[in-house]
Amino acid sequence: MKPDIHPKYYPECKVNFRGQVVMTVGATVPELNVEVWSGSHPFYTGQKTFVDTAGRVERFQRKFAGGYFAKGKDAAATKK
């Protein structure tokens, strides 16, 4: 390996989920905070839950509500 080009490696990186350490892995950061992991994901747990992190669904709906695409079509038609 060339010296001084690689990031520092932390072999005991702690992975946190909702404030609890769920596992330890090797990474380039000393600590990771995750929103979803295999112990909480509906695919692995078998529970039917809706996973929405940080209101992404609501943010998407707000962004594309109210004729967002219609504005783009009108603008393209007037440019021709």
Protein backbone atom coordinates (compact mmCIF):
# COMPACT_ATOMS: atom_id res chain seq x y z
CA MET A 1 0.00 0.00 0.00
CA LYS A 2 1.14 3.52 -0.71
CA PRO A 3 1.58 5.59 2.42
CA ASP A 4 -0.73 8.54 3.20
CA ILE A 5 -3.39 7.87 0.53
CA HIS A 6 -5.70 5.44 2.33
CA PRO A 7 -8.26 6.46 4.97
CA LYS A 8 -7.83 5.22 8.52
CA TYR A 9 -9.44 1.81 9.05
CA TYR A 10 -11.41 1.08 12.22
CA PRO A 11 -11.72 -2.70 12.69
CA GLU A 12 -14.15 -2.24 15.61
CA CYS A 13 -16.66 0.21 14.10
CA LYS A 14 -19.88 0.17 16.13
CA VAL A 15 -23.15 0.15 14.20
CA ASN A 16 -25.94 1.95 16.11
CA PHE A 17 -29.66 1.58 15.52
CA ARG A 18 -31.93 3.82 17.60
CA GLY A 19 -29.20 4.42 20.15
CA GLN A 20 -28.24 0.77 20.64
CA VAL A 21 -25.16 -0.97 19.30
CA VAL A 22 -26.42 -3.80 17.07
CA MET A 23 -23.17 -5.06 15.59
CA THR A 24 -19.49 -4.34 15.11
CA VAL A 25 -17.89 -4.20 11.68
CA GLY A 26 -14.75 -2.88 10.02
CA ALA A 27 -15.13 0.52 8.37
CA THR A 28 -13.42 3.83 7.66
CA VAL A 29 -15.43 5.62 10.37
CA PRO A 30 -15.41 4.82 14.11
CA GLU A 31 -19.23 4.75 14.42
CA LEU A 32 -22.19 4.28 12.06
CA ASN A 33 -25.79 5.30 12.72
CA VAL A 34 -28.26 3.35 10.56
CA GLU A 35 -31.99 3.84 10.03
CA VAL A 36 -32.72 0.26 8.92
CA TRP A 37 -30.83 -2.96 9.50
CA SER A 38 -31.64 -6.64 9.02
CA GLY A 39 -33.01 -6.95 12.57
CA SER A 40 -35.65 -4.29 11.89
CA HIS A 41 -36.32 -4.64 8.16
CA PRO A 42 -39.77 -6.10 7.31
CA PHE A 43 -38.28 -8.55 4.79
CA TYR A 44 -36.22 -10.28 7.49
CA THR A 45 -38.60 -9.91 10.44
CA GLY A 46 -41.74 -10.97 8.57
CA GLN A 47 -43.72 -8.07 10.03
CA LYS A 48 -45.69 -5.85 7.71
CA THR A 49 -44.49 -2.37 8.58
CA PHE A 50 -44.02 0.72 6.49
CA VAL A 51 -40.43 1.97 6.54
CA ASP A 52 -40.35 5.73 5.98
CA THR A 53 -37.16 7.44 7.01
CA ALA A 54 -37.16 11.17 7.60
CA GLY A 55 -40.52 11.75 5.88
CA ARG A 56 -39.26 10.94 2.40
CA VAL A 57 -42.67 9.87 1.17
CA GLU A 58 -44.32 13.11 2.32
CA ARG A 59 -41.48 15.18 0.87
CA PHE A 60 -41.88 13.38 -2.48
CA GLN A 61 -45.64 13.90 -2.47
CA ARG A 62 -45.25 17.62 -1.66
CA LYS A 63 -42.69 18.06 -4.41
CA PHE A 64 -44.73 16.44 -7.16
CA ALA A 65 -48.19 17.62 -6.09
CA GLY A 66 -49.99 20.56 -7.65
CA GLY A 67 -49.27 20.26 -11.37
CA TYR A 68 -45.49 19.87 -11.18
CA PHE A 69 -45.35 17.96 -14.46
CA ALA A 70 -47.90 20.21 -16.16
CA LYS A 71 -45.58 23.17 -15.65
CA GLY A 72 -42.81 21.36 -17.47
CA LYS A 73 -45.05 20.50 -20.45
CA ASP A 74 -46.33 24.08 -20.78
CA ALA A 75 -42.82 25.49 -20.61
CA ALA A 76 -41.60 23.05 -23.28
CA ALA A 77 -44.53 23.90 -25.56
CA THR A 78 -43.89 27.65 -25.36
CA LYS A 79 -40.20 27.24 -26.21
CA LYS A 80 -40.95 25.60 -29.60
